[in-house]
Amino acid sequence: MNFDLQKFYKFCSELKIETKEEGLKKMGKLLGTQTYVMSEIQKGLDEDVHFFVILKGRQLGITTISLALDLYWQFTHPGWQGTLVADTEENRDMFRSTLAMYMEGLPKEYKIPLVAHNRNQMVLKNRSRLFYQIAGNKSRLGQGKAITYLHGTETASWGNEEGLASLLSSLAEKNPERLYMFESTAQGFNMFHDMYKTAKRAKTQRAIFCGWWRNELYSVDAASQLYKVYWDGKLKAEEKEWVKEIKKLYGVEINSRQMAWWRWKMYEVIKDETLMYQEFPPTEDYAFVMTGTSFFSHTRCTESAKISKKRDYANYRYAFGQMFQDTEVLPSTERLSQLKVWEEPVDTGYYVIGADPAYGSSDWADRFCIQVFRCYANGLDQVAEFTTSELNTYQFAWVIAHLAGAYKNSTLNLEVNGPGQAVINEIRNLKRMASAMGGAQGKGLMDVLGSMQNYIWRRNDTLGGLSNSIGYLTTSSTKERMLNYMKDYFEREMMRLYSMELLEEMKGIVRDNGFLGAPGRGKDDRVIAAALAGVAFAEQIQPRLIAAGITREVAEATDGFTPEQIATQSTVSNYLKRIGLYGQ
């Protein structure tokens, strides 16, 4: 599709806008932030991309230029059906007034007469119309409309998942001139975060991040007093990190005048570092940090991610049969993978397995997750990760049994909230089935299940005494305990993590007014499974390994890599074959 950007800019130059400093004036020269976003949209349209998710900071002029595009598209596309969705009634009315102001200021050659303009819609004489809707309304967004143009503003504030789904289902899919934009500040881990991450991966969508540093006005004169006060000639540790990231990700070098502005804005205007990163995020990662204190160090997560990118791993998926013995583990593509393996089982290794069962099966619901770590006296290394939202509870038990068998000498810590008890019962059923099977198959399965250790948690029972319980009951206090173990090991570099998805989830864990976890629609299943492994390691496994002197260094020296030893080592994929359950 050919979007004439220069023609659009000429159109914009005739529009009148309300400014803080100069009152009503023509839009004139556009900001660097505005031209960047519009050029990215043009590039996308040239590549047959029609769906854009725009992540922005505050006061960058993105909504202003997007409203201008709303009007321009209706002028240049007769018979069009567009929709402008605001987060609140107040903003809907404000945007309607802005468009009315744009219309009044246009010279005759640009004007198309209005047929109607009210709180619900703008109708032009060329039969184009722009509907005004509020995301928070209970009515289904886009219902009864065939939408070919969409502008959603402050999408992170909508909080209407059903409405969003309805809106997306009403969008035209094949019209070559269609255009859909969602622009918002982040406001934490919510459905807009999910939309942005999806747009980054999808081939038919484009994610656009617009940082404050693209606004040329966000800079101070090198001769000014502000510059002298706020630029001392060196960057702080965290500033160094994101300045480096900006150059790497976006090819932009942050200069000292911009840094002086940044510090002035933070110390004299915003007066809160966390809030500054929310309102004026230097990178997209910072944008999604909510109010509150990040629990895990973002710097450590970034450092671990760099190491993780260099680690190879194998992808597998499960082909479930009617029974456990009919289940296979098959090599998989990255896209279809349920199981990632960074290190195949070592027979002499010691392992801990953290398992978090899911509560639901929607896109936003919890997922089934298993984390496997190899354990040493001086730390633990991630070797495998299983995650999916499409599973039955009994199948989850089968995966646990399989991984516990493949990674021998393992200790399982299972979250027993919700479906956790059902998983324990299914594991017990597997033991009964092994006994009934008899023969080599039954013996092989029984050897696995009989040798699998369970994390035994000493907890207060309902009568006030102490009881020994299998698994881990997660409450606010016990969650704090296990996450603190994980935080301590991770930040002391004792816990080596290789899952990019896990590290991403960790960035979303915050502490805020007594709350600890992933707020909103943020996911934490991978984190909880890893923390379950961490608490079992700390309280049950590490003391034994310390007594035995099994450090990383000792284990590496004794693992061995001779051809004979490699031949006898198990792998995740062939484990069930080895014990005779399939592949005869």
Protein backbone atom coordinates (compact mmCIF):
# COMPACT_ATOMS: atom_id res chain seq x y z
CA MET A 1 0.00 0.00 0.00
CA ASN A 2 1.24 3.47 -0.88
CA PHE A 3 0.94 5.91 2.04
CA ASP A 4 2.17 9.34 0.85
CA LEU A 5 3.89 10.52 4.02
CA GLN A 6 4.91 13.93 2.65
CA LYS A 7 1.34 14.67 1.57
CA PHE A 8 0.19 13.75 5.09
CA TYR A 9 2.80 16.05 6.65
CA LYS A 10 1.58 18.93 4.43
CA PHE A 11 -1.94 18.21 5.68
CA CYS A 12 -0.70 18.30 9.28
CA SER A 13 1.04 21.64 8.74
CA GLU A 14 -2.38 23.27 8.20
CA LEU A 15 -3.93 21.93 11.39
CA LYS A 16 -4.33 24.11 14.44
CA ILE A 17 -3.39 22.71 17.84
CA GLU A 18 -3.60 23.93 21.43
CA THR A 19 -0.12 24.32 22.96
CA LYS A 20 0.95 24.99 26.55
CA GLU A 21 3.34 27.78 25.71
CA GLU A 22 1.83 29.49 22.65
CA GLY A 23 -1.89 28.75 22.79
CA LEU A 24 -3.67 28.02 19.48
CA LYS A 25 -1.24 27.70 16.57
CA LYS A 26 -0.59 25.67 13.43
CA MET A 27 1.03 22.29 14.03
CA GLY A 28 4.04 23.39 11.98
CA LYS A 29 7.25 21.39 12.32
CA LEU A 30 6.67 17.91 13.71
CA LEU A 31 8.64 16.40 16.58
CA GLY A 32 11.18 13.67 15.95
CA THR A 33 8.97 11.28 17.94
CA GLN A 34 6.03 11.98 15.64
CA THR A 35 7.94 11.56 12.37
CA TYR A 36 9.58 8.38 13.68
CA VAL A 37 6.25 6.68 14.46
CA MET A 38 4.69 7.78 11.17
CA SER A 39 7.70 6.61 9.16
CA GLU A 40 7.51 3.21 10.89
CA ILE A 41 3.84 2.97 9.95
CA GLN A 42 4.68 3.87 6.37
CA LYS A 43 7.40 1.18 6.26
CA GLY A 44 4.96 -1.35 7.65
CA LEU A 45 2.27 -0.51 5.11
CA ASP A 46 4.84 -0.78 2.30
CA GLU A 47 5.54 -4.32 3.57
CA ASP A 48 1.82 -5.21 3.72
CA VAL A 49 1.66 -4.83 7.52
CA HIS A 50 -1.57 -3.15 8.66
CA PHE A 51 -1.60 -3.72 12.45
CA PHE A 52 0.59 -1.54 14.70
CA VAL A 53 1.13 -1.58 18.47
CA ILE A 54 2.86 1.61 19.60
CA LEU A 55 4.58 1.76 23.00
CA LYS A 56 5.38 5.32 24.02
CA GLY A 57 6.41 7.59 26.87
CA ARG A 58 4.51 10.65 28.05
CA GLN A 59 4.30 13.95 26.20
CA LEU A 60 5.79 12.77 22.92
CA GLY A 61 2.99 14.01 20.66
CA ILE A 62 2.02 10.52 19.49
CA THR A 63 -1.69 10.86 20.23
CA THR A 64 -1.71 14.32 18.58
CA ILE A 65 -0.24 13.04 15.30
CA SER A 66 -2.41 9.88 15.43
CA LEU A 67 -5.58 11.99 15.69
CA ALA A 68 -4.39 13.94 12.65
CA LEU A 69 -4.00 10.61 10.83
CA ASP A 70 -7.57 9.66 11.89
CA LEU A 71 -8.91 12.72 10.10
CA TYR A 72 -6.60 12.41 7.09
CA TRP A 73 -7.62 8.78 6.51
CA GLN A 74 -11.32 9.63 6.51
CA PHE A 75 -10.70 12.50 4.07
CA THR A 76 -8.70 10.36 1.66
CA HIS A 77 -10.81 7.16 1.85
CA PRO A 78 -14.43 7.76 0.81
CA GLY A 79 -16.99 5.40 2.32
CA TRP A 80 -14.61 4.35 5.10
CA GLN A 81 -15.68 3.03 8.51
CA GLY A 82 -13.24 4.07 11.22
CA THR A 83 -13.34 3.78 15.00
CA LEU A 84 -11.57 5.83 17.65
CA VAL A 85 -11.52 4.02 21.01
CA ALA A 86 -10.61 6.02 24.13
CA ASP A 87 -10.00 4.70 27.61
CA THR A 88 -12.42 7.13 29.35
CA GLU A 89 -15.45 9.27 28.53
CA GLU A 90 -13.40 12.37 29.37
CA ASN A 91 -10.70 11.46 26.85
CA ARG A 92 -13.30 10.56 24.24
CA ASP A 93 -14.79 14.03 24.52
CA MET A 94 -11.35 15.65 24.47
CA PHE A 95 -10.34 13.79 21.31
CA ARG A 96 -13.65 14.70 19.65
CA SER A 97 -12.99 18.38 20.47
CA THR A 98 -9.46 18.08 19.07
CA LEU A 99 -10.77 16.71 15.77
CA ALA A 100 -13.38 19.49 15.64
CA MET A 101 -10.57 22.03 16.13
CA TYR A 102 -8.57 20.36 13.35
CA MET A 103 -11.59 20.61 11.04
CA GLU A 104 -12.20 24.31 11.76
CA GLY A 105 -8.61 25.25 10.99
CA LEU A 106 -8.36 23.57 7.60
CA PRO A 107 -8.32 25.67 4.41
CA LYS A 108 -11.09 25.07 1.87
CA GLU A 109 -9.02 22.82 -0.43
CA TYR A 110 -8.65 20.27 2.36
CA LYS A 111 -12.15 20.45 3.74
CA ILE A 112 -14.85 17.86 3.15
CA PRO A 113 -18.14 19.07 4.58
CA LEU A 114 -19.47 17.53 7.77
CA VAL A 115 -22.83 15.78 7.71
CA ALA A 116 -22.87 15.15 11.48
CA HIS A 117 -20.51 15.39 14.40
CA ASN A 118 -21.70 14.32 17.84
CA ARG A 119 -20.49 12.30 20.83
CA ASN A 120 -20.94 9.04 18.93
CA GLN A 121 -19.59 9.71 15.45
CA MET A 122 -18.19 12.02 12.79
CA VAL A 123 -19.86 11.67 9.38
CA LEU A 124 -18.33 13.30 6.27
CA LYS A 125 -20.03 14.09 2.98
CA ASN A 126 -17.73 11.55 1.24
CA ARG A 127 -19.68 8.89 3.24
CA SER A 128 -16.73 8.19 5.55
CA ARG A 129 -17.48 8.04 9.24
CA LEU A 130 -15.46 7.80 12.41
CA PHE A 131 -17.18 6.23 15.43
CA TYR A 132 -16.26 7.27 18.97
CA GLN A 133 -16.22 4.49 21.56
CA ILE A 134 -15.15 4.05 25.19
CA ALA A 135 -13.22 0.91 26.06
CA GLY A 136 -14.65 0.65 29.59
CA ASN A 137 -18.26 0.38 28.42
CA LYS A 138 -19.95 -2.95 28.95
CA SER A 139 -21.14 -2.93 25.35
CA ARG A 140 -19.11 -5.01 22.94
CA LEU A 141 -16.64 -2.82 21.07
CA GLY A 142 -17.01 -2.84 17.31
CA GLN A 143 -20.20 -4.91 17.41
CA GLY A 144 -22.17 -4.68 14.17
CA LYS A 145 -19.41 -2.73 12.42
CA ALA A 146 -17.04 -3.74 9.63
CA ILE A 147 -14.03 -1.67 10.66
CA THR A 148 -11.37 -0.73 8.12
CA TYR A 149 -9.60 1.88 10.27
CA LEU A 150 -8.96 1.74 14.01
CA HIS A 151 -7.19 4.02 16.48
CA GLY A 152 -7.05 2.76 20.08
CA THR A 153 -5.60 5.16 22.65
CA GLU A 154 -4.14 4.35 26.09
CA THR A 155 -4.92 0.69 25.49
CA ALA A 156 -3.12 -0.32 28.69
CA SER A 157 -5.94 1.37 30.66
CA TRP A 158 -8.81 -0.40 28.93
CA GLY A 159 -9.14 -3.40 31.22
CA ASN A 160 -11.80 -4.83 28.89
CA GLU A 161 -10.51 -8.09 27.48
CA GLU A 162 -13.91 -9.19 26.15
CA GLY A 163 -14.37 -5.82 24.46
CA LEU A 164 -10.90 -6.02 22.88
CA ALA A 165 -11.62 -9.51 21.55
CA SER A 166 -14.91 -8.27 20.07
CA LEU A 167 -13.17 -5.27 18.52
CA LEU A 168 -10.44 -7.39 16.92
CA SER A 169 -13.02 -9.79 15.47
CA SER A 170 -14.75 -6.90 13.66
CA LEU A 171 -11.60 -5.76 11.80
CA ALA A 172 -11.44 -6.25 8.04
CA GLU A 173 -8.73 -8.75 7.13
CA LYS A 174 -8.19 -8.31 3.41
CA ASN A 175 -8.87 -4.67 2.52
CA PRO A 176 -5.53 -3.41 1.11
CA GLU A 177 -6.08 0.10 2.59
CA ARG A 178 -6.91 -1.04 6.13
CA LEU A 179 -4.99 0.48 9.05
CA TYR A 180 -5.15 -0.42 12.77
CA MET A 181 -3.19 1.38 15.51
CA PHE A 182 -3.04 0.83 19.26
CA GLU A 183 -0.93 3.41 21.13
CA SER A 184 -0.34 3.55 24.85
CA THR A 185 2.05 4.03 27.71
CA ALA A 186 2.83 0.70 29.32
CA GLN A 187 1.33 0.80 32.84
CA GLY A 188 2.73 -2.56 33.80
CA PHE A 189 2.11 -6.13 32.70
CA ASN A 190 -1.40 -6.21 31.29
CA MET A 191 -3.18 -7.05 28.07
CA PHE A 192 -1.36 -4.22 26.26
CA HIS A 193 1.93 -5.85 27.28
CA ASP A 194 0.66 -9.11 25.75
CA MET A 195 -0.36 -7.25 22.57
CA TYR A 196 3.06 -5.60 22.27
CA LYS A 197 4.95 -8.86 22.77
CA THR A 198 2.71 -10.57 20.22
CA ALA A 199 3.31 -7.76 17.71
CA LYS A 200 7.07 -8.19 18.15
CA ARG A 201 6.84 -11.85 17.17
CA ALA A 202 4.11 -11.73 14.52
CA LYS A 203 4.93 -11.30 10.84
CA THR A 204 1.65 -9.49 10.12
CA GLN A 205 2.00 -6.96 12.96
CA ARG A 206 4.58 -4.38 13.94
CA ALA A 207 5.64 -3.25 17.42
CA ILE A 208 6.90 0.33 17.57
CA PHE A 209 8.71 1.68 20.63
CA CYS A 210 9.08 5.46 20.83
CA GLY A 211 11.58 6.57 23.48
CA TRP A 212 11.76 10.05 25.01
CA TRP A 213 15.20 10.55 23.45
CA ARG A 214 13.63 10.82 19.98
CA ASN A 215 12.15 14.15 21.05
CA GLU A 216 14.75 16.80 20.16
CA LEU A 217 13.21 19.18 22.71
CA TYR A 218 14.26 16.87 25.55
CA SER A 219 17.74 18.31 25.73
CA VAL A 220 19.37 21.29 27.48
CA ASP A 221 21.81 23.88 26.16
CA ALA A 222 25.41 22.98 26.96
CA ALA A 223 25.97 26.61 28.04
CA SER A 224 23.03 26.64 30.48
CA GLN A 225 23.11 26.42 34.25
CA LEU A 226 20.97 23.27 34.11
CA TYR A 227 23.66 21.56 32.07
CA LYS A 228 26.37 22.54 34.56
CA VAL A 229 24.28 21.32 37.49
CA TYR A 230 23.16 18.00 36.05
CA TRP A 231 26.04 16.83 33.89
CA ASP A 232 29.16 15.82 35.82
CA GLY A 233 30.92 14.17 32.92
CA LYS A 234 30.13 10.54 33.78
CA LEU A 235 27.26 8.09 33.69
CA LYS A 236 25.93 6.16 36.68
CA ALA A 237 25.93 2.35 36.52
CA GLU A 238 22.25 2.02 35.53
CA GLU A 239 22.50 4.91 33.06
CA LYS A 240 25.45 3.18 31.40
CA GLU A 241 23.34 0.05 30.99
CA TRP A 242 20.42 1.67 29.20
CA VAL A 243 22.55 4.11 27.18
CA LYS A 244 24.40 1.05 25.86
CA GLU A 245 21.10 -0.74 25.18
CA ILE A 246 19.68 2.24 23.26
CA LYS A 247 22.71 2.31 20.99
CA LYS A 248 22.59 -1.45 20.47
CA LEU A 249 18.83 -1.76 19.91
CA TYR A 250 18.00 1.48 18.14
CA GLY A 251 21.32 2.80 16.84
CA VAL A 252 21.00 6.08 18.75
CA GLU A 253 23.82 7.65 20.78
CA ILE A 254 22.56 9.52 23.87
CA ASN A 255 24.53 12.74 24.36
CA SER A 256 25.38 14.71 27.50
CA ARG A 257 22.71 17.39 26.83
CA GLN A 258 20.03 14.70 26.80
CA MET A 259 21.41 13.14 29.98
CA ALA A 260 21.32 16.52 31.71
CA TRP A 261 17.66 16.91 30.71
CA TRP A 262 16.88 13.40 31.94
CA ARG A 263 18.38 14.05 35.37
CA TRP A 264 16.73 17.46 35.69
CA LYS A 265 13.32 15.97 34.79
CA MET A 266 13.75 13.17 37.30
CA TYR A 267 15.10 15.19 40.26
CA GLU A 268 13.09 18.41 39.91
CA VAL A 269 9.86 17.48 38.10
CA ILE A 270 9.00 13.79 38.55
CA LYS A 271 10.96 13.41 41.82
CA ASP A 272 10.71 9.60 41.76
CA GLU A 273 13.12 7.35 39.87
CA THR A 274 10.68 4.46 39.35
CA LEU A 275 7.96 6.81 38.12
CA MET A 276 10.46 8.53 35.79
CA TYR A 277 11.26 5.20 34.16
CA GLN A 278 7.54 4.57 33.69
CA GLU A 279 6.69 7.97 32.24
CA PHE A 280 9.85 8.39 30.16
CA PRO A 281 11.20 4.87 29.56
CA PRO A 282 14.62 4.69 27.87
CA THR A 283 13.88 1.18 26.50
CA GLU A 284 10.80 -0.98 26.13
CA ASP A 285 11.86 -3.16 29.09
CA TYR A 286 11.80 -0.17 31.42
CA ALA A 287 8.41 0.88 30.08
CA PHE A 288 6.63 -2.14 31.54
CA VAL A 289 7.92 -1.78 35.11
CA MET A 290 4.94 -0.86 37.31
CA THR A 291 4.84 1.39 40.32
CA GLY A 292 6.53 -0.47 43.12
CA THR A 293 9.97 -1.93 43.55
CA SER A 294 11.30 -4.50 41.13
CA PHE A 295 12.03 -7.64 43.15
CA PHE A 296 14.76 -9.08 40.96
CA SER A 297 17.62 -6.94 39.69
CA HIS A 298 16.99 -5.92 36.07
CA THR A 299 20.74 -5.60 35.58
CA ARG A 300 21.29 -9.23 36.66
CA CYS A 301 18.42 -10.36 34.44
CA THR A 302 19.99 -8.55 31.49
CA GLU A 303 23.41 -10.05 32.22
CA SER A 304 21.93 -13.55 32.46
CA ALA A 305 20.02 -13.02 29.22
CA LYS A 306 23.28 -12.24 27.41
CA ILE A 307 24.73 -15.56 28.63
CA SER A 308 21.52 -17.41 27.80
CA LYS A 309 21.59 -16.27 24.17
CA LYS A 310 24.87 -18.13 23.74
CA ARG A 311 23.55 -21.41 25.19
CA ASP A 312 22.25 -24.06 22.84
CA TYR A 313 19.20 -26.09 23.76
CA ALA A 314 17.04 -28.85 22.35
CA ASN A 315 13.30 -28.52 21.76
CA TYR A 316 10.81 -31.32 22.47
CA ARG A 317 7.06 -31.78 22.53
CA TYR A 318 4.86 -34.48 24.07
CA ALA A 319 2.57 -36.70 22.06
CA PHE A 320 0.12 -37.91 24.71
CA GLY A 321 -1.64 -41.23 24.37
CA GLN A 322 -4.56 -42.67 26.32
CA MET A 323 -2.13 -43.99 28.95
CA PHE A 324 1.27 -43.02 30.27
CA GLN A 325 2.90 -45.91 28.45
CA ASP A 326 1.49 -44.60 25.13
CA THR A 327 3.08 -41.17 25.56
CA GLU A 328 6.09 -40.16 23.46
CA VAL A 329 8.60 -37.32 23.64
CA LEU A 330 9.50 -36.04 20.19
CA PRO A 331 11.99 -33.50 18.84
CA SER A 332 10.22 -30.25 18.05
CA THR A 333 10.55 -26.86 16.44
CA GLU A 334 10.98 -23.75 18.57
CA ARG A 335 7.42 -22.64 17.83
CA LEU A 336 5.75 -25.90 18.91
CA SER A 337 8.15 -26.72 21.73
CA GLN A 338 6.84 -27.51 25.21
CA LEU A 339 10.15 -28.68 26.67
CA LYS A 340 13.53 -26.97 26.39
CA VAL A 341 16.62 -28.90 27.46
CA TRP A 342 19.94 -27.13 28.03
CA GLU A 343 21.68 -30.18 29.52
CA GLU A 344 20.74 -33.80 29.01
CA PRO A 345 20.59 -36.00 32.13
CA VAL A 346 23.84 -37.08 33.76
CA ASP A 347 23.45 -40.29 35.73
CA THR A 348 25.75 -39.06 38.50
CA GLY A 349 23.98 -35.70 38.82
CA TYR A 350 21.64 -34.51 41.57
CA TYR A 351 18.49 -32.67 40.51
CA VAL A 352 15.58 -30.70 41.88
CA ILE A 353 12.26 -30.28 40.08
CA GLY A 354 9.85 -27.40 40.76
CA ALA A 355 6.33 -27.93 39.39
CA ASP A 356 3.50 -25.38 39.23
CA PRO A 357 0.12 -26.72 37.97
CA ALA A 358 -2.17 -24.38 36.02
CA TYR A 359 -5.55 -23.10 37.16
CA GLY A 360 -6.94 -22.34 33.69
CA SER A 361 -6.41 -22.74 29.96
CA SER A 362 -7.07 -19.30 28.36
CA ASP A 363 -4.42 -17.09 26.82
CA TRP A 364 -4.25 -15.12 30.05
CA ALA A 365 -4.61 -18.00 32.49
CA ASP A 366 -1.89 -19.75 34.41
CA ARG A 367 0.26 -22.31 32.64
CA PHE A 368 1.56 -25.70 33.65
CA CYS A 369 5.24 -25.23 34.32
CA ILE A 370 8.15 -27.44 35.40
CA GLN A 371 11.71 -26.28 36.08
CA VAL A 372 14.58 -28.76 36.40
CA PHE A 373 17.90 -27.76 37.99
CA ARG A 374 21.10 -29.67 38.50
CA CYS A 375 22.28 -29.18 42.07
CA TYR A 376 25.70 -28.63 43.59
CA ALA A 377 26.89 -27.63 47.03
CA ASN A 378 27.65 -24.13 45.70
CA GLY A 379 24.62 -23.54 43.51
CA LEU A 380 22.14 -24.87 40.96
CA ASP A 381 21.97 -24.71 37.14
CA GLN A 382 18.82 -24.72 35.01
CA VAL A 383 18.85 -27.77 32.72
CA ALA A 384 15.25 -28.05 31.49
CA GLU A 385 11.96 -26.13 31.36
CA PHE A 386 8.50 -27.39 30.47
CA THR A 387 5.58 -25.03 29.95
CA THR A 388 2.18 -25.16 28.28
CA SER A 389 -1.40 -24.00 28.89
CA GLU A 390 -2.92 -26.92 26.97
CA LEU A 391 -2.75 -29.91 29.29
CA ASN A 392 -4.83 -32.07 31.58
CA THR A 393 -3.86 -32.52 35.21
CA TYR A 394 -3.12 -36.23 34.77
CA GLN A 395 -0.90 -35.48 31.75
CA PHE A 396 1.04 -32.99 33.88
CA ALA A 397 1.68 -35.81 36.36
CA TRP A 398 2.99 -37.94 33.49
CA VAL A 399 5.42 -35.18 32.44
CA ILE A 400 6.69 -34.91 36.02
CA ALA A 401 7.16 -38.67 36.19
CA HIS A 402 8.99 -38.66 32.85
CA LEU A 403 11.37 -35.85 33.79
CA ALA A 404 11.98 -37.29 37.24
CA GLY A 405 12.89 -40.56 35.59
CA ALA A 406 15.12 -39.02 32.96
CA TYR A 407 16.87 -36.82 35.53
CA LYS A 408 17.55 -39.48 38.17
CA ASN A 409 18.41 -38.66 41.78
CA SER A 410 15.77 -35.94 41.68
CA THR A 411 13.68 -34.26 44.36
CA LEU A 412 10.23 -32.96 43.39
CA ASN A 413 8.65 -29.88 44.95
CA LEU A 414 5.08 -29.48 43.74
CA GLU A 415 2.80 -26.55 44.50
CA VAL A 416 -0.21 -28.20 46.11
CA ASN A 417 -2.63 -25.29 45.78
CA GLY A 418 -5.61 -25.89 43.49
CA PRO A 419 -4.96 -28.90 41.22
CA GLY A 420 -1.67 -29.80 42.94
CA GLN A 421 -3.28 -32.49 45.09
CA ALA A 422 -4.81 -34.08 41.99
CA VAL A 423 -1.32 -34.27 40.46
CA ILE A 424 -0.02 -36.07 43.57
CA ASN A 425 -2.91 -38.53 43.35
CA GLU A 426 -2.13 -39.24 39.68
CA ILE A 427 1.52 -39.94 40.51
CA ARG A 428 0.28 -42.44 43.12
CA ASN A 429 -1.95 -43.99 40.44
CA LEU A 430 1.10 -44.41 38.21
CA LYS A 431 2.79 -46.38 41.00
CA ARG A 432 -0.26 -48.65 41.26
CA MET A 433 -0.27 -49.08 37.49
CA ALA A 434 3.43 -50.01 37.52
CA SER A 435 2.72 -52.69 40.12
CA ALA A 436 -0.12 -54.08 38.03
CA MET A 437 1.90 -54.08 34.79
CA GLY A 438 4.57 -56.40 36.08
CA GLY A 439 7.43 -57.54 33.88
CA ALA A 440 10.25 -55.33 32.67
CA GLN A 441 7.96 -52.40 31.87
CA GLY A 442 6.42 -52.36 35.34
CA LYS A 443 9.80 -52.76 37.01
CA GLY A 444 11.30 -49.94 34.94
CA LEU A 445 8.48 -47.57 35.82
CA MET A 446 8.46 -48.60 39.49
CA ASP A 447 12.21 -48.03 39.75
CA VAL A 448 11.67 -44.47 38.57
CA LEU A 449 8.70 -43.64 40.73
CA GLY A 450 10.07 -45.42 43.77
CA SER A 451 13.37 -43.56 43.67
CA MET A 452 11.82 -40.10 43.05
CA GLN A 453 12.06 -38.12 46.27
CA ASN A 454 9.47 -35.60 47.40
CA TYR A 455 10.19 -32.33 49.13
CA ILE A 456 8.72 -32.77 52.59
CA TRP A 457 7.51 -29.52 54.05
CA ARG A 458 7.06 -29.11 57.78
CA ARG A 459 4.06 -26.82 58.13
CA ASN A 460 1.49 -25.88 60.76
CA ASP A 461 -1.66 -27.98 60.54
CA THR A 462 -5.15 -26.73 61.31
CA LEU A 463 -4.86 -27.72 64.97
CA GLY A 464 -1.75 -25.64 65.54
CA GLY A 465 0.78 -28.45 65.52
CA LEU A 466 3.39 -29.38 62.93
CA SER A 467 2.82 -31.84 60.11
CA ASN A 468 4.95 -33.30 57.37
CA SER A 469 3.41 -32.60 53.95
CA ILE A 470 4.39 -33.44 50.40
CA GLY A 471 4.78 -30.35 48.28
CA TYR A 472 4.45 -26.66 49.02
CA LEU A 473 1.33 -24.70 49.92
CA THR A 474 1.80 -21.17 48.57
CA THR A 475 0.50 -18.39 50.79
CA SER A 476 1.62 -14.76 51.00
CA SER A 477 4.20 -15.64 53.67
CA THR A 478 5.48 -18.86 52.09
CA LYS A 479 5.64 -17.17 48.66
CA GLU A 480 7.86 -14.47 50.16
CA ARG A 481 10.10 -17.13 51.67
CA MET A 482 10.67 -19.11 48.48
CA LEU A 483 11.09 -16.01 46.28
CA ASN A 484 13.68 -14.65 48.71
CA TYR A 485 15.66 -17.89 48.39
CA MET A 486 15.56 -17.51 44.61
CA LYS A 487 16.50 -13.82 44.72
CA ASP A 488 19.44 -14.54 47.04
CA TYR A 489 20.81 -17.38 44.90
CA PHE A 490 20.28 -15.48 41.64
CA GLU A 491 21.89 -12.22 42.71
CA ARG A 492 24.86 -14.04 44.28
CA GLU A 493 25.27 -15.84 40.91
CA MET A 494 24.65 -19.23 42.53
CA MET A 495 21.51 -19.85 40.45
CA ARG A 496 22.27 -19.99 36.71
CA LEU A 497 19.20 -19.34 34.58
CA TYR A 498 19.07 -19.87 30.81
CA SER A 499 15.39 -19.46 29.93
CA MET A 500 14.81 -16.08 28.26
CA GLU A 501 11.11 -16.36 29.08
CA LEU A 502 11.86 -16.97 32.76
CA LEU A 503 14.19 -13.97 32.91
CA GLU A 504 11.52 -11.84 31.24
CA GLU A 505 8.94 -12.93 33.82
CA MET A 506 11.35 -12.10 36.65
CA LYS A 507 11.52 -8.48 35.47
CA GLY A 508 7.77 -8.25 36.07
CA ILE A 509 7.87 -9.35 39.73
CA VAL A 510 7.35 -6.30 41.96
CA ARG A 511 6.90 -5.52 45.63
CA ASP A 512 4.25 -2.88 46.24
CA ASN A 513 2.47 -2.15 49.53
CA GLY A 514 2.63 -5.70 50.81
CA PHE A 515 1.99 -7.26 47.40
CA LEU A 516 4.70 -9.49 45.92
CA GLY A 517 4.28 -10.97 42.49
CA ALA A 518 3.34 -10.18 38.92
CA PRO A 519 0.61 -7.50 38.90
CA GLY A 520 -2.30 -7.34 36.51
CA ARG A 521 -2.03 -9.85 33.71
CA GLY A 522 1.64 -10.48 34.33
CA LYS A 523 2.75 -14.11 34.21
CA ASP A 524 4.77 -15.68 37.01
CA ASP A 525 4.36 -19.45 36.41
CA ARG A 526 7.98 -19.96 35.36
CA VAL A 527 9.17 -17.90 38.34
CA ILE A 528 7.04 -19.85 40.83
CA ALA A 529 8.28 -23.20 39.48
CA ALA A 530 11.89 -22.00 39.72
CA ALA A 531 11.29 -20.69 43.26
CA LEU A 532 9.76 -24.03 44.28
CA ALA A 533 12.95 -25.70 43.09
CA GLY A 534 15.01 -23.11 44.98
CA VAL A 535 13.32 -23.63 48.35
CA ALA A 536 13.68 -27.43 48.09
CA PHE A 537 17.34 -26.99 47.20
CA ALA A 538 17.97 -24.66 50.13
CA GLU A 539 16.19 -26.69 52.79
CA GLN A 540 16.67 -30.29 51.71
CA ILE A 541 19.29 -30.81 49.00
CA GLN A 542 22.11 -28.32 49.51
CA PRO A 543 22.94 -29.42 53.09
CA ARG A 544 23.50 -33.00 51.85
CA LEU A 545 25.66 -31.85 48.93
CA ILE A 546 27.74 -29.62 51.21
CA ALA A 547 28.34 -32.58 53.54
CA ALA A 548 29.37 -34.71 50.55
CA GLY A 549 31.55 -31.95 49.07
CA ILE A 550 29.84 -32.11 45.65
CA THR A 551 30.61 -28.69 44.19
CA ARG A 552 30.36 -27.66 40.54
CA GLU A 553 34.11 -28.07 40.21
CA VAL A 554 34.10 -31.59 41.68
CA ALA A 555 31.12 -32.65 39.56
CA GLU A 556 32.68 -31.34 36.33
CA ALA A 557 35.84 -33.29 37.07
CA THR A 558 33.97 -36.53 37.73
CA ASP A 559 31.25 -36.41 35.04
CA GLY A 560 33.66 -37.50 32.34
CA PHE A 561 33.14 -37.39 28.61
CA THR A 562 34.71 -40.58 27.28
CA PRO A 563 32.86 -42.33 24.41
CA GLU A 564 31.94 -45.19 26.73
CA GLN A 565 30.41 -42.85 29.29
CA ILE A 566 28.53 -40.82 26.69
CA ALA A 567 27.05 -44.02 25.29
CA THR A 568 25.59 -44.95 28.65
CA GLN A 569 24.17 -41.53 29.45
CA SER A 570 20.43 -41.08 29.19
CA THR A 571 18.67 -38.40 27.20
CA VAL A 572 15.28 -36.85 27.79
CA SER A 573 13.92 -38.12 24.49
CA ASN A 574 15.01 -41.76 24.81
CA TYR A 575 14.28 -42.27 28.51
CA LEU A 576 10.86 -43.85 28.07
CA LYS A 577 12.30 -46.16 25.44
CA ARG A 578 15.05 -47.26 27.81
CA ILE A 579 12.59 -48.36 30.45
CA GLY A 580 10.54 -50.17 27.80
CA LEU A 581 7.35 -48.13 27.74
CA TYR A 582 7.31 -47.39 24.03
CA GLY A 583 9.40 -47.83 20.93
CA GLN A 584 9.69 -51.60 21.27
